[in-house]
Protein backbone atom coordinates (compact mmCIF):
# COMPACT_ATOMS: atom_id res chain seq x y z
CA UNK A 1 0.00 0.00 0.00
CA UNK A 2 1.45 3.38 -0.96
CA UNK A 3 1.86 6.29 1.45
CA UNK A 4 -0.94 8.11 -0.30
CA UNK A 5 -3.29 5.13 0.10
CA UNK A 6 -2.35 4.81 3.77
CA UNK A 7 -3.06 8.52 4.31
CA UNK A 8 -6.43 8.14 2.62
CA UNK A 9 -7.33 5.13 4.76
CA UNK A 10 -6.47 6.93 8.00
CA UNK A 11 -8.75 9.79 6.96
CA UNK A 12 -11.58 7.31 6.41
CA UNK A 13 -11.06 5.86 9.88
CA UNK A 14 -10.96 9.20 11.67
CA UNK A 15 -13.82 10.07 13.95
CA UNK A 16 -16.40 12.32 12.29
CA UNK A 17 -16.82 15.63 14.05
CA UNK A 18 -19.47 18.27 13.62
CA UNK A 19 -18.33 21.80 13.11
CA UNK A 20 -19.22 23.81 16.17
CA UNK A 21 -16.70 26.61 16.05
CA UNK A 22 -19.52 29.05 15.34
CA UNK A 23 -21.48 27.67 18.28
CA UNK A 24 -18.62 27.70 20.74
CA UNK A 25 -17.43 31.17 19.80
CA UNK A 26 -20.89 32.73 19.95
CA UNK A 27 -20.98 36.20 21.42
CA UNK A 28 -22.40 36.46 24.97
CA UNK A 29 -25.89 37.43 23.78
CA UNK A 30 -26.01 34.82 21.01
CA UNK A 31 -27.39 31.35 21.55
CA UNK A 32 -25.32 28.50 20.08
CA UNK A 33 -26.98 26.39 17.43
CA UNK A 34 -26.69 23.14 19.40
CA UNK A 35 -28.89 22.84 22.48
CA UNK A 36 -27.41 22.19 25.91
CA UNK A 37 -29.09 18.80 26.03
CA UNK A 38 -27.68 17.80 22.63
CA UNK A 39 -24.17 18.90 23.58
CA UNK A 40 -24.37 17.17 26.97
CA UNK A 41 -25.58 13.91 25.42
CA UNK A 42 -22.89 13.95 22.74
CA UNK A 43 -20.26 14.73 25.40
CA UNK A 44 -21.43 11.75 27.47
CA UNK A 45 -21.14 9.58 24.34
CA UNK A 46 -17.60 10.85 23.71
CA UNK A 47 -16.63 9.96 27.28
CA UNK A 48 -18.16 6.47 26.95
CA UNK A 49 -16.25 5.85 23.71
CA UNK A 50 -12.97 7.05 25.18
CA UNK A 51 -13.43 4.94 28.32
CA UNK A 52 -14.29 1.86 26.26
CA UNK A 53 -10.88 2.05 24.58
CA UNK A 54 -9.92 0.17 21.45
CA UNK A 55 -9.40 3.36 19.47
CA UNK A 56 -6.33 4.46 17.60
CA UNK A 57 -4.35 7.37 18.96
CA UNK A 58 -5.69 9.62 16.21
CA UNK A 59 -9.29 8.59 16.93
CA UNK A 60 -8.78 9.18 20.65
CA UNK A 61 -7.29 12.61 20.05
CA UNK A 62 -10.12 13.57 17.70
CA UNK A 63 -12.68 12.47 20.28
CA UNK A 64 -10.84 14.34 23.04
CA UNK A 65 -10.87 17.52 20.94
CA UNK A 66 -14.56 17.09 20.24
CA UNK A 67 -15.17 16.58 23.95
CA UNK A 68 -13.37 19.85 24.70
CA UNK A 69 -15.58 21.66 22.16
CA UNK A 70 -18.70 20.16 23.66
CA UNK A 71 -17.64 21.01 27.21
CA UNK A 72 -17.12 24.64 26.14
CA UNK A 73 -20.53 24.64 24.49
CA UNK A 74 -22.15 23.30 27.68
CA UNK A 75 -20.34 25.98 29.71
CA UNK A 76 -21.70 28.59 27.31
CA UNK A 77 -25.27 27.40 27.84
CA UNK A 78 -24.86 27.21 31.62
CA UNK A 79 -23.29 30.67 31.80
CA UNK A 80 -26.22 32.14 29.82
CA UNK A 81 -28.68 30.35 32.11
CA UNK A 82 -26.94 31.75 35.21
CA UNK A 83 -27.05 35.25 33.74
CA UNK A 84 -30.76 34.93 33.02
CA UNK A 85 -31.46 33.65 36.53
CA UNK A 86 -29.42 36.45 38.09
CA UNK A 87 -31.26 39.04 36.00
CA UNK A 88 -34.64 37.54 36.91
CA UNK A 89 -33.90 37.37 40.62
CA UNK A 90 -32.47 40.89 40.74
CA UNK A 91 -35.55 42.17 38.90
CA UNK A 92 -37.75 40.50 41.55
CA UNK A 93 -35.90 42.21 44.44
CA UNK A 94 -37.66 45.30 45.81
CA UNK A 95 -35.55 48.43 45.61
């Protein structure tokens, strides 16, 4: 097998990843396109796959990177939720 064929095969075996750069880098007032629940579920799946083992180094690294993206996306959603709760509770406080 030639080097070019080997390179092509490793690309086929790599873990597919969704593009979420736009979601993760959303401005503070913007909502990411993936919901918190979707990101959390996919993150849990990434963790399960990593813990199960049996992956190549490249597959493991790709999953780890995806997990980092998903964790950032979850943090984004949770930060926005905290801000909304803080705004709602401060609006309820008598002045």
